[in-house]
Protein backbone atom coordinates (compact mmCIF):
# COMPACT_ATOMS: atom_id res chain seq x y z
CA MET A 1 -54.32 -19.68 29.65
CA GLU A 2 -51.88 -21.70 31.83
CA LEU A 3 -48.75 -20.19 32.31
CA ASN A 4 -45.41 -22.35 32.02
CA GLU A 5 -42.36 -21.48 34.11
CA ILE A 6 -40.06 -23.01 32.03
CA THR A 7 -41.31 -21.10 28.88
CA ILE A 8 -40.71 -17.99 31.12
CA THR A 9 -37.35 -18.80 31.47
CA ARG A 10 -36.80 -19.63 28.14
CA ALA A 11 -38.36 -16.66 26.78
CA ILE A 12 -36.08 -14.44 29.02
CA ILE A 13 -32.89 -16.17 28.21
CA GLU A 14 -33.46 -16.46 24.24
CA ARG A 15 -34.71 -12.75 24.61
CA TYR A 16 -31.88 -11.48 26.14
CA PHE A 17 -28.71 -13.16 24.11
CA ASN A 18 -30.51 -11.99 20.91
CA LYS A 19 -30.32 -8.49 21.67
CA LEU A 20 -26.64 -8.68 23.27
CA LEU A 21 -25.58 -10.91 20.27
CA ASP A 22 -27.45 -7.93 18.03
CA TYR A 23 -25.20 -5.12 20.03
CA ALA A 24 -21.94 -7.00 20.37
CA ASP A 25 -20.48 -4.96 17.63
CA VAL A 26 -22.11 -0.99 17.82
CA ASP A 27 -21.01 2.63 16.47
CA THR A 28 -20.81 4.16 19.69
CA ALA A 29 -20.83 2.05 23.09
CA ILE A 30 -21.48 4.36 26.13
CA VAL A 31 -20.29 3.70 29.32
CA GLY A 32 -22.43 4.89 32.38
CA ALA A 33 -25.84 5.20 32.22
CA GLY A 34 -26.05 8.92 34.13
CA PRO A 35 -27.72 11.91 32.85
CA ALA A 36 -24.75 12.64 29.94
CA GLY A 37 -24.60 8.74 29.01
CA LEU A 38 -28.86 8.62 28.59
CA VAL A 39 -29.04 12.11 26.50
CA ALA A 40 -25.91 11.06 24.37
CA ALA A 41 -28.04 8.11 23.51
CA TYR A 42 -30.96 9.17 22.79
CA TYR A 43 -29.64 11.83 20.29
CA LEU A 44 -27.28 9.42 18.81
CA ALA A 45 -29.71 6.64 18.21
CA LYS A 46 -32.43 9.30 17.30
CA ASN A 47 -30.29 9.84 14.53
CA GLY A 48 -29.37 6.39 13.19
CA ASN A 49 -26.53 5.44 15.20
CA LYS A 50 -26.32 2.12 16.59
CA VAL A 51 -26.07 2.31 20.54
CA ALA A 52 -25.32 0.29 23.58
CA ILE A 53 -24.95 1.90 27.38
CA PHE A 54 -23.30 -0.15 29.85
CA GLU A 55 -24.03 0.15 33.39
CA ARG A 56 -22.53 -1.18 35.91
CA LYS A 57 -25.19 -0.65 38.45
CA LEU A 58 -29.00 -2.51 38.54
CA SER A 59 -30.64 1.20 38.20
CA ILE A 60 -29.70 3.65 36.02
CA GLY A 61 -29.71 7.13 36.24
CA GLY A 62 -26.39 8.13 37.79
CA GLY A 63 -26.33 10.86 40.52
CA MET A 64 -30.03 12.42 38.96
CA TRP A 65 -31.96 9.92 40.84
CA GLY A 66 -31.44 11.51 44.47
CA GLY A 67 -31.26 15.12 43.23
CA GLY A 68 -29.22 16.51 46.08
CA MET A 69 -28.80 14.35 49.70
CA MET A 70 -31.69 12.45 48.63
CA PHE A 71 -34.18 15.28 47.73
CA ASN A 72 -35.12 14.30 44.46
CA GLU A 73 -35.35 17.57 43.01
CA ILE A 74 -33.16 18.58 40.27
CA VAL A 75 -32.38 22.45 39.13
CA VAL A 76 -31.48 23.38 35.77
CA GLN A 77 -30.44 27.03 34.20
CA ASP A 78 -32.32 28.71 31.08
CA GLU A 79 -29.66 26.83 28.59
CA ALA A 80 -30.57 22.83 29.19
CA ARG A 81 -34.41 23.49 30.04
CA ASP A 82 -34.97 23.23 26.47
CA ILE A 83 -33.50 19.78 26.83
CA LEU A 84 -35.78 18.48 29.59
CA GLU A 85 -39.41 19.93 27.67
CA GLN A 86 -38.12 18.09 24.95
CA PHE A 87 -38.40 14.91 26.71
CA GLY A 88 -41.89 16.53 28.16
CA ILE A 89 -40.49 16.53 31.75
CA THR A 90 -41.95 19.33 33.52
CA THR A 91 -40.32 21.98 35.00
CA THR A 92 -41.21 25.04 37.28
CA LYS A 93 -39.07 28.27 37.59
CA TYR A 94 -37.77 28.70 40.69
CA GLN A 95 -36.28 32.08 40.00
CA GLU A 96 -34.79 34.06 37.13
CA ASN A 97 -32.08 30.87 35.56
CA TYR A 98 -33.22 28.56 37.99
CA TYR A 99 -35.61 25.66 37.44
CA THR A 100 -36.85 22.79 38.91
CA ALA A 101 -37.54 19.26 37.73
CA ASP A 102 -38.77 15.99 39.56
CA ALA A 103 -35.47 13.62 39.68
CA VAL A 104 -37.22 10.64 39.09
CA GLU A 105 -39.77 11.98 36.24
CA SER A 106 -36.64 13.23 34.48
CA VAL A 107 -34.84 9.86 34.68
CA THR A 108 -37.20 7.71 33.47
CA SER A 109 -38.53 9.99 30.97
CA ILE A 110 -34.81 10.36 29.11
CA CYS A 111 -34.31 6.38 29.23
CA SER A 112 -37.87 5.56 28.27
CA ALA A 113 -37.05 7.99 25.36
CA ALA A 114 -33.63 6.61 24.46
CA CYS A 115 -34.68 3.33 24.46
CA ARG A 116 -37.59 4.08 22.01
CA ALA A 117 -35.28 5.90 19.84
CA GLY A 118 -33.19 2.56 19.72
CA ALA A 119 -30.41 2.32 21.92
CA LYS A 120 -30.11 -0.77 24.46
CA ILE A 121 -29.01 -0.34 27.88
CA PHE A 122 -26.87 -3.84 29.50
CA ASN A 123 -26.88 -3.12 33.57
CA CYS A 124 -25.35 -4.98 35.96
CA VAL A 125 -22.30 -4.82 33.68
CA SER A 126 -18.84 -3.65 33.97
CA VAL A 127 -16.02 -2.28 31.77
CA GLU A 128 -12.93 -4.22 32.82
CA ASP A 129 -10.64 -3.22 29.93
CA VAL A 130 -10.54 -1.87 25.91
CA ILE A 131 -9.24 -3.22 22.96
CA ILE A 132 -6.88 -1.20 21.39
CA ARG A 133 -5.51 -1.67 17.90
CA GLU A 134 -3.01 0.99 16.24
CA GLY A 135 -3.26 3.37 19.05
CA SER A 136 -6.82 3.45 19.00
CA VAL A 137 -9.87 2.08 20.99
CA ASN A 138 -12.01 -0.02 18.99
CA GLY A 139 -13.95 -2.02 21.70
CA LEU A 140 -14.74 -2.80 25.63
CA VAL A 141 -13.77 -5.62 27.28
CA ILE A 142 -17.26 -6.43 29.71
CA THR A 143 -17.82 -8.67 32.47
CA TRP A 144 -21.13 -8.84 34.78
CA SER A 145 -20.68 -6.19 37.98
CA PRO A 146 -21.25 -9.42 40.55
CA VAL A 147 -18.44 -11.40 38.87
CA GLU A 148 -16.31 -8.03 39.48
CA MET A 149 -17.41 -7.62 42.60
CA ALA A 150 -16.78 -10.96 44.37
CA GLY A 151 -13.40 -11.24 42.68
CA LEU A 152 -14.49 -14.23 40.85
CA HIS A 153 -11.61 -15.53 38.26
CA VAL A 154 -14.31 -15.59 34.98
CA ASP A 155 -12.85 -14.38 32.03
CA PRO A 156 -14.85 -11.59 30.05
CA LEU A 157 -16.26 -11.00 26.68
CA THR A 158 -15.74 -8.34 23.92
CA ILE A 159 -17.67 -5.52 22.52
CA GLY A 160 -16.60 -3.87 18.93
CA ALA A 161 -17.07 0.02 19.12
CA LYS A 162 -16.30 2.46 15.99
CA LYS A 163 -16.56 5.08 19.49
CA VAL A 164 -16.70 4.83 23.31
CA ILE A 165 -18.17 7.48 25.59
CA ASP A 166 -17.00 7.95 29.16
CA SER A 167 -19.66 9.09 30.83
CA THR A 168 -18.78 6.91 34.13
CA GLY A 169 -18.66 10.57 36.40
CA HIS A 170 -16.23 11.45 38.64
CA ASP A 171 -14.58 7.56 38.42
CA MET A 172 -13.35 8.19 35.23
CA GLU A 173 -13.46 4.18 34.66
CA VAL A 174 -12.81 3.78 30.96
CA LEU A 175 -10.07 6.48 30.77
CA HIS A 176 -8.54 4.87 34.05
CA VAL A 177 -7.92 1.94 31.99
CA ILE A 178 -6.42 3.11 29.23
CA GLU A 179 -4.08 5.65 31.16
CA ARG A 180 -3.02 2.39 33.35
CA LYS A 181 -2.80 -0.31 30.72
CA ALA A 182 -2.38 1.92 27.31
CA ASP A 183 0.44 4.08 25.74
CA MET A 184 -1.95 6.49 24.96
CA LYS A 185 -1.66 9.98 25.73
CA MET A 186 -4.77 12.04 26.58
CA ASN A 187 -5.62 15.24 24.78
CA THR A 188 -4.90 17.32 28.10
CA PRO A 189 -2.20 19.46 28.68
CA ASP A 190 0.32 17.01 29.93
CA GLY A 191 -1.42 14.24 28.15
CA LYS A 192 -2.68 12.36 31.56
CA LEU A 193 -5.87 13.00 33.69
CA GLN A 194 -5.86 15.94 35.45
CA GLY A 195 -8.33 14.90 38.33
CA GLU A 196 -11.91 16.43 39.81
CA ARG A 197 -11.33 19.93 41.97
CA SER A 198 -13.55 21.06 44.87
CA MET A 199 -17.20 22.16 44.15
CA TRP A 200 -17.35 25.42 42.10
CA ALA A 201 -20.94 25.29 40.51
CA GLU A 202 -21.14 28.11 37.98
CA LYS A 203 -17.21 27.36 36.59
CA ALA A 204 -18.38 23.08 37.01
CA GLU A 205 -21.53 23.86 34.75
CA LYS A 206 -19.12 25.64 31.90
CA LEU A 207 -16.41 23.55 32.04
CA THR A 208 -18.28 20.53 31.46
CA ILE A 209 -19.63 21.38 28.09
CA GLU A 210 -16.30 23.07 27.60
CA ASN A 211 -14.23 19.89 28.39
CA THR A 212 -16.91 17.23 26.51
CA ARG A 213 -15.25 16.04 23.31
CA GLU A 214 -12.38 13.37 22.21
CA ILE A 215 -10.10 12.59 24.99
CA CYS A 216 -7.93 10.06 22.92
CA LYS A 217 -8.57 8.40 19.75
CA ASN A 218 -12.44 7.32 19.33
CA VAL A 219 -12.84 8.19 22.84
CA TYR A 220 -14.73 10.81 24.37
CA VAL A 221 -15.90 12.21 27.68
CA ALA A 222 -19.11 13.39 28.84
CA GLY A 223 -20.76 15.16 31.87
CA MET A 224 -18.30 14.52 35.20
CA SER A 225 -16.08 12.53 33.28
CA ALA A 226 -14.99 15.46 31.20
CA ASN A 227 -14.54 17.79 34.26
CA ALA A 228 -12.83 14.89 36.15
CA ALA A 229 -10.14 14.35 33.37
CA PHE A 230 -9.56 17.98 32.66
CA GLY A 231 -8.98 19.54 35.97
CA GLY A 232 -12.40 20.76 36.30
CA PRO A 233 -14.39 21.30 39.53
CA ARG A 234 -17.44 19.54 40.51
CA MET A 235 -20.91 21.20 40.41
CA GLY A 236 -23.56 19.42 43.07
CA PRO A 237 -26.93 18.63 42.42
CA ILE A 238 -27.31 21.17 39.14
CA PHE A 239 -27.42 19.04 36.47
CA GLY A 240 -28.04 21.42 32.87
CA GLY A 241 -24.44 20.84 32.06
CA MET A 242 -24.84 17.57 32.62
CA LEU A 243 -28.01 17.80 29.83
CA LEU A 244 -26.24 20.13 27.72
CA SER A 245 -22.51 18.03 27.42
CA GLY A 246 -25.04 14.74 26.37
CA LYS A 247 -26.15 16.48 23.99
CA LYS A 248 -22.48 17.72 22.55
CA VAL A 249 -20.90 14.42 22.62
CA ALA A 250 -23.68 13.25 20.13
CA GLU A 251 -22.99 16.26 18.00
CA SER A 252 -19.22 15.72 18.00
CA ILE A 253 -19.94 12.28 17.03
CA LEU A 254 -22.46 12.82 14.60
CA GLY A 255 -20.51 15.68 13.21
CA LYS A 256 -23.67 18.03 12.78
CA SER A 257 -26.41 19.30 15.57
CA VAL A 258 -29.09 17.45 16.75
């Protein structure tokens, strides 16, 4: 059977835009497809939540892809090992409370599970603003990342969302937009973003989970965004806190354990 290039083009355009139209209004919009965002998407979608993830890069996985300094192995502790094993990811004990896993296997397995659960990922999409009504965030303003990178004057589009998760990592991209453009206080001691501190793995792993919460009306923080927002330190290439944070934020939104 012959293949027709125009049919291929039509198939891509039609299927993509049907997907985008279907997810123009969602229960939860996750910004950032790193480990925390992907884990949150999996648990939310598995429990019937309509979830879209917007990732500014072409690839997904955030910092997990590169392990530590491009050595593509990651480390997790006892508490997080169960999450990796739920996704069928092989873990190997290094010593007491330290387990390693292949970074590529980890990212691809979690991403695949999230997609099969029903979450949709839109890569090469940047969030440049939020929609605010009566003191709460109820949507995102999006554009193509290449448009943003090129500095082109192109108006964006909008996505409706009952809940938003900022899992963009160190940069806290959504929260910075809210702080800069909206008259909304953060649920931090002084109502402002605190900023990330220097590396301290043990403290950071605990605080990543503790700081995973609703930070302003309808907006939640997970992963390194949570630590940066509340003034916690970074933790480097141990990813247990990220995984547990993704699960916790899903439970917070769903109002139940998963």
